Structure formats: structure tokens, C-alpha cells
Amino acid sequence: MKLNRHAFRVRPGMRKGLRTETPLPTRLVSNEEFPPLPQTPEQREVEQRILAAAGRLAPRLGVTRREFLRTSGGMAVSFLAMNAVFGSFFDVTDVEAAEPSAAKERAGAPLFIFDVQLHYVGDAYDPSNAEADRKGAVSKGALRGLRTRAQRMNPALG
């Protein structure tokens, strides 16, 4: 029997999952089928920026770095770090990182988020629509209707 030296092997501690100090992951994790790619220099820089900002701001707010990173300020410094490394994408200000009230002020009304894997819903998917009768299920037609409405609202979705 020939062993594949590239085959994935579970190593000690892998099943515990990735533990990170930052609010957002800054590296890929394994799906246990393939080993994850190593952290890129850009991902490492984002992580370092998050931890450095948290180290500066946490004492000002009278909390530990770990506690700070669990707040809206922790998310704000994460978004600011990604903006600095990858270009401006997230609408966040420095003040939101340092002042919890500033983040709350800019939050606005809560948004309804409907997370569904629409790529599984096509004409060929579940022709009997058997799942529609299950309690709490949404019919295939209703999901396709959401996709159609989303395309009308944003034609770029194609």
C-alpha cells in the first residue's frame, strides 16, 4: 500500500477549532478534507493591526484587550484594519472604535437579514417540492420569487 504524503491528517488540537483573539477570522480554517492554506502576509497584517488598536483602546475604556475585542469597538477596529490593508470597503470611523455611543448612534434601524443558499433553488431542484409541506419550510416557488425580486432591485445580480 502506497501512502499519499499529501493526504490530510488530523493533527492534535484541530478538532477544537480555530481559536483567535480577533472578532473576525484572519486566516482560513480546515474543512478536514484539505489542510488550510497558510495565513497570507495581508491577513497577518490585519490581525496585527486589530491587536495593536485593541491594545491602545482597551485601557482607555477600562477593559482588557479581550473584553474590548468582544464589543462594537472590537468590530470597528477589525473593519478599520481591513480597510487599511485591502482598501476602503467598510463604512466605519475611528470614533466608533473608541466610543461605544458613536457606534450606537450610527447603527440606524435594524436590518432584516434572510440568509438562504439560493443557488440550491432552481427549476431542477426538488421537482416534487416535498419540503414545502414541512412545518416552517418555505416553498421552492417562494424562494425563487425572492431571487427574482432581488434581481429587480439590483440588476447586477443577473
C-alpha atoms as a PDB file:
ATOM      1  CA  MET A   1       0.000   0.000   0.000  1.00  0.00           C
ATOM      2  CA  LYS A   2       1.393   3.364  -1.041  1.00  0.00           C
ATOM      3  CA  LEU A   3       0.722   6.297   1.293  1.00  0.00           C
ATOM      4  CA  ASN A   4      -0.137   9.700  -0.090  1.00  0.00           C
ATOM      5  CA  ARG A   5       2.215  12.111   1.637  1.00  0.00           C
ATOM      6  CA  HIS A   6      -0.116  14.988   0.701  1.00  0.00           C
ATOM      7  CA  ALA A   7      -3.182  13.398   2.305  1.00  0.00           C
ATOM      8  CA  PHE A   8      -4.865  15.388   5.014  1.00  0.00           C
ATOM      9  CA  ARG A   9      -4.249  14.198   8.572  1.00  0.00           C
ATOM     10  CA  VAL A  10      -6.000  15.490  11.653  1.00  0.00           C
ATOM     11  CA  ARG A  11      -3.373  16.902  13.968  1.00  0.00           C
ATOM     12  CA  PRO A  12      -3.625  17.419  17.734  1.00  0.00           C
ATOM     13  CA  GLY A  13      -5.952  20.262  18.664  1.00  0.00           C
ATOM     14  CA  MET A  14      -7.554  20.585  15.214  1.00  0.00           C
ATOM     15  CA  ARG A  15     -10.970  19.349  16.251  1.00  0.00           C
ATOM     16  CA  LYS A  16     -11.159  22.064  18.891  1.00  0.00           C
ATOM     17  CA  GLY A  17     -11.485  24.609  16.107  1.00  0.00           C
ATOM     18  CA  LEU A  18      -9.578  27.777  15.400  1.00  0.00           C
ATOM     19  CA  ARG A  19      -9.225  29.976  18.420  1.00  0.00           C
ATOM     20  CA  THR A  20      -8.460  33.560  17.641  1.00  0.00           C
ATOM     21  CA  GLU A  21      -8.362  36.720  19.688  1.00  0.00           C
ATOM     22  CA  THR A  22      -9.794  38.836  16.892  1.00  0.00           C
ATOM     23  CA  PRO A  23     -13.560  39.234  16.322  1.00  0.00           C
ATOM     24  CA  LEU A  24     -13.149  38.185  12.690  1.00  0.00           C
ATOM     25  CA  PRO A  25     -11.037  35.269  11.474  1.00  0.00           C
ATOM     26  CA  THR A  26      -7.813  36.363   9.807  1.00  0.00           C
ATOM     27  CA  ARG A  27      -6.901  33.015   8.281  1.00  0.00           C
ATOM     28  CA  LEU A  28      -8.586  30.113   6.557  1.00  0.00           C
ATOM     29  CA  VAL A  29      -9.520  27.068   8.590  1.00  0.00           C
ATOM     30  CA  SER A  30      -9.628  23.425   7.568  1.00  0.00           C
ATOM     31  CA  ASN A  31     -12.758  21.651   6.437  1.00  0.00           C
ATOM     32  CA  GLU A  32     -10.970  18.394   7.414  1.00  0.00           C
ATOM     33  CA  GLU A  33     -10.829  17.376   3.763  1.00  0.00           C
ATOM     34  CA  PHE A  34      -7.882  19.561   2.867  1.00  0.00           C
ATOM     35  CA  PRO A  35      -5.345  21.342   5.038  1.00  0.00           C
ATOM     36  CA  PRO A  36      -5.923  25.106   5.148  1.00  0.00           C
ATOM     37  CA  LEU A  37      -3.705  27.480   3.247  1.00  0.00           C
ATOM     38  CA  PRO A  38      -1.216  29.347   5.427  1.00  0.00           C
ATOM     39  CA  GLN A  39      -2.074  32.847   6.618  1.00  0.00           C
ATOM     40  CA  THR A  40      -1.172  35.433   3.981  1.00  0.00           C
ATOM     41  CA  PRO A  41       1.001  38.464   4.790  1.00  0.00           C
ATOM     42  CA  GLU A  42      -2.089  40.671   4.353  1.00  0.00           C
ATOM     43  CA  GLN A  43      -4.143  38.563   6.768  1.00  0.00           C
ATOM     44  CA  ARG A  44      -1.275  38.684   9.266  1.00  0.00           C
ATOM     45  CA  GLU A  45      -1.113  42.487   8.934  1.00  0.00           C
ATOM     46  CA  VAL A  46      -4.872  42.795   9.539  1.00  0.00           C
ATOM     47  CA  GLU A  47      -4.528  40.642  12.665  1.00  0.00           C
ATOM     48  CA  GLN A  48      -1.590  42.703  13.945  1.00  0.00           C
ATOM     49  CA  ARG A  49      -3.448  45.976  13.336  1.00  0.00           C
ATOM     50  CA  ILE A  50      -6.521  44.696  15.195  1.00  0.00           C
ATOM     51  CA  LEU A  51      -4.494  43.559  18.201  1.00  0.00           C
ATOM     52  CA  ALA A  52      -2.425  46.771  18.281  1.00  0.00           C
ATOM     53  CA  ALA A  53      -5.515  49.009  18.151  1.00  0.00           C
ATOM     54  CA  ALA A  54      -7.230  46.925  20.826  1.00  0.00           C
ATOM     55  CA  GLY A  55      -4.113  47.198  22.993  1.00  0.00           C
ATOM     56  CA  ARG A  56      -4.255  51.014  22.705  1.00  0.00           C
ATOM     57  CA  LEU A  57      -8.001  51.463  23.172  1.00  0.00           C
ATOM     58  CA  ALA A  58      -8.872  48.882  25.847  1.00  0.00           C
ATOM     59  CA  PRO A  59      -7.020  50.637  28.715  1.00  0.00           C
ATOM     60  CA  ARG A  60      -8.714  53.948  27.821  1.00  0.00           C
ATOM     61  CA  LEU A  61     -12.085  52.256  28.248  1.00  0.00           C
ATOM     62  CA  GLY A  62     -11.039  50.450  31.418  1.00  0.00           C
ATOM     63  CA  VAL A  63     -11.342  46.930  29.999  1.00  0.00           C
ATOM     64  CA  THR A  64      -8.962  44.175  28.983  1.00  0.00           C
ATOM     65  CA  ARG A  65      -7.982  43.718  25.351  1.00  0.00           C
ATOM     66  CA  ARG A  66     -10.034  40.520  25.219  1.00  0.00           C
ATOM     67  CA  GLU A  67     -13.113  42.309  26.622  1.00  0.00           C
ATOM     68  CA  PHE A  68     -12.645  45.193  24.183  1.00  0.00           C
ATOM     69  CA  LEU A  69     -12.491  42.824  21.206  1.00  0.00           C
ATOM     70  CA  ARG A  70     -15.937  41.475  22.169  1.00  0.00           C
ATOM     71  CA  THR A  71     -17.549  44.911  21.805  1.00  0.00           C
ATOM     72  CA  SER A  72     -18.701  47.029  18.883  1.00  0.00           C
ATOM     73  CA  GLY A  73     -15.326  48.781  19.221  1.00  0.00           C
ATOM     74  CA  GLY A  74     -13.614  45.457  18.525  1.00  0.00           C
ATOM     75  CA  MET A  75     -15.638  45.046  15.344  1.00  0.00           C
ATOM     76  CA  ALA A  76     -14.894  48.654  14.368  1.00  0.00           C
ATOM     77  CA  VAL A  77     -11.112  48.191  14.724  1.00  0.00           C
ATOM     78  CA  SER A  78     -11.424  44.970  12.698  1.00  0.00           C
ATOM     79  CA  PHE A  79     -13.183  46.791   9.869  1.00  0.00           C
ATOM     80  CA  LEU A  80     -10.695  49.677  10.061  1.00  0.00           C
ATOM     81  CA  ALA A  81      -7.789  47.221   9.848  1.00  0.00           C
ATOM     82  CA  MET A  82      -9.282  45.541   6.776  1.00  0.00           C
ATOM     83  CA  ASN A  83      -9.887  48.946   5.173  1.00  0.00           C
ATOM     84  CA  ALA A  84      -6.238  49.891   5.811  1.00  0.00           C
ATOM     85  CA  VAL A  85      -4.880  46.695   4.273  1.00  0.00           C
ATOM     86  CA  PHE A  86      -7.337  45.901   1.474  1.00  0.00           C
ATOM     87  CA  GLY A  87      -8.765  49.332   0.622  1.00  0.00           C
ATOM     88  CA  SER A  88     -11.795  51.221   1.851  1.00  0.00           C
ATOM     89  CA  PHE A  89     -14.846  48.962   1.839  1.00  0.00           C
ATOM     90  CA  PHE A  90     -16.453  49.183   5.285  1.00  0.00           C
ATOM     91  CA  ASP A  91     -18.213  52.402   6.345  1.00  0.00           C
ATOM     92  CA  VAL A  92     -16.660  52.813   9.785  1.00  0.00           C
ATOM     93  CA  THR A  93     -14.910  55.672  11.584  1.00  0.00           C
ATOM     94  CA  ASP A  94     -12.098  55.817  14.140  1.00  0.00           C
ATOM     95  CA  VAL A  95     -14.533  57.345  16.635  1.00  0.00           C
ATOM     96  CA  GLU A  96     -16.720  54.219  16.512  1.00  0.00           C
ATOM     97  CA  ALA A  97     -13.763  52.153  17.686  1.00  0.00           C
ATOM     98  CA  ALA A  98     -13.115  54.371  20.714  1.00  0.00           C
ATOM     99  CA  GLU A  99     -16.631  55.486  21.680  1.00  0.00           C
ATOM    100  CA  PRO A 100     -19.386  52.880  22.089  1.00  0.00           C
ATOM    101  CA  SER A 101     -22.026  55.623  21.868  1.00  0.00           C
ATOM    102  CA  ALA A 102     -20.730  56.665  18.423  1.00  0.00           C
ATOM    103  CA  ALA A 103     -21.209  53.155  17.066  1.00  0.00           C
ATOM    104  CA  LYS A 104     -24.716  53.019  18.520  1.00  0.00           C
ATOM    105  CA  GLU A 105     -25.544  56.433  17.016  1.00  0.00           C
ATOM    106  CA  ARG A 106     -24.537  55.340  13.503  1.00  0.00           C
ATOM    107  CA  ALA A 107     -26.175  51.921  13.730  1.00  0.00           C
ATOM    108  CA  GLY A 108     -29.532  53.034  12.355  1.00  0.00           C
ATOM    109  CA  ALA A 109     -32.575  50.796  12.181  1.00  0.00           C
ATOM    110  CA  PRO A 110     -32.043  47.040  12.388  1.00  0.00           C
ATOM    111  CA  LEU A 111     -31.937  45.296   9.034  1.00  0.00           C
ATOM    112  CA  PHE A 112     -33.825  42.144   8.173  1.00  0.00           C
ATOM    113  CA  ILE A 113     -31.350  39.514   7.007  1.00  0.00           C
ATOM    114  CA  PHE A 114     -32.647  36.428   5.258  1.00  0.00           C
ATOM    115  CA  ASP A 115     -29.767  34.015   4.777  1.00  0.00           C
ATOM    116  CA  VAL A 116     -30.530  31.193   2.385  1.00  0.00           C
ATOM    117  CA  GLN A 117     -28.500  29.288  -0.157  1.00  0.00           C
ATOM    118  CA  LEU A 118     -30.405  30.340  -3.282  1.00  0.00           C
ATOM    119  CA  HIS A 119     -28.022  28.514  -5.591  1.00  0.00           C
ATOM    120  CA  TYR A 120     -29.716  25.296  -4.407  1.00  0.00           C
ATOM    121  CA  VAL A 121     -33.084  26.547  -5.585  1.00  0.00           C
ATOM    122  CA  GLY A 122     -33.532  26.079  -9.295  1.00  0.00           C
ATOM    123  CA  ASP A 123     -36.120  24.563 -11.607  1.00  0.00           C
ATOM    124  CA  ALA A 124     -34.451  21.145 -11.382  1.00  0.00           C
ATOM    125  CA  TYR A 125     -34.200  21.160  -7.587  1.00  0.00           C
ATOM    126  CA  ASP A 126     -36.754  19.005  -5.718  1.00  0.00           C
ATOM    127  CA  PRO A 127     -39.338  18.801  -8.516  1.00  0.00           C
ATOM    128  CA  SER A 128     -41.935  17.414  -6.110  1.00  0.00           C
ATOM    129  CA  ASN A 129     -41.435  20.372  -3.753  1.00  0.00           C
ATOM    130  CA  ALA A 130     -41.912  17.837  -0.941  1.00  0.00           C
ATOM    131  CA  GLU A 131     -40.122  20.043   1.577  1.00  0.00           C
ATOM    132  CA  ALA A 132     -42.801  22.733   1.231  1.00  0.00           C
ATOM    133  CA  ASP A 133     -45.162  20.758   3.498  1.00  0.00           C
ATOM    134  CA  ARG A 134     -42.651  20.550   6.347  1.00  0.00           C
ATOM    135  CA  LYS A 135     -43.517  22.850   9.262  1.00  0.00           C
ATOM    136  CA  GLY A 136     -41.572  26.115   8.939  1.00  0.00           C
ATOM    137  CA  ALA A 137     -40.378  25.374   5.413  1.00  0.00           C
ATOM    138  CA  VAL A 138     -40.517  27.908   2.608  1.00  0.00           C
ATOM    139  CA  SER A 139     -41.656  26.618  -0.764  1.00  0.00           C
ATOM    140  CA  LYS A 140     -39.357  26.468  -3.752  1.00  0.00           C
ATOM    141  CA  GLY A 141     -41.552  28.993  -5.556  1.00  0.00           C
ATOM    142  CA  ALA A 142     -41.322  31.462  -2.692  1.00  0.00           C
ATOM    143  CA  LEU A 143     -37.530  31.235  -2.666  1.00  0.00           C
ATOM    144  CA  ARG A 144     -37.355  31.688  -6.443  1.00  0.00           C
ATOM    145  CA  GLY A 145     -39.605  34.704  -6.001  1.00  0.00           C
ATOM    146  CA  LEU A 146     -37.078  36.222  -3.596  1.00  0.00           C
ATOM    147  CA  ARG A 147     -34.340  35.732  -6.167  1.00  0.00           C
ATOM    148  CA  THR A 148     -36.447  37.372  -8.883  1.00  0.00           C
ATOM    149  CA  ARG A 149     -37.284  40.325  -6.626  1.00  0.00           C
ATOM    150  CA  ALA A 150     -33.623  40.729  -5.641  1.00  0.00           C
ATOM    151  CA  GLN A 151     -32.634  40.788  -9.319  1.00  0.00           C
ATOM    152  CA  ARG A 152     -35.194  43.523  -9.985  1.00  0.00           C
ATOM    153  CA  MET A 153     -33.865  45.558  -7.056  1.00  0.00           C
ATOM    154  CA  ASN A 154     -30.255  45.027  -8.158  1.00  0.00           C
ATOM    155  CA  PRO A 155     -29.894  44.101 -11.864  1.00  0.00           C
ATOM    156  CA  ALA A 156     -26.184  43.416 -11.320  1.00  0.00           C
ATOM    157  CA  LEU A 157     -27.201  40.152  -9.609  1.00  0.00           C
ATOM    158  CA  GLY A 158     -28.134  38.855 -13.074  1.00  0.00           C
END
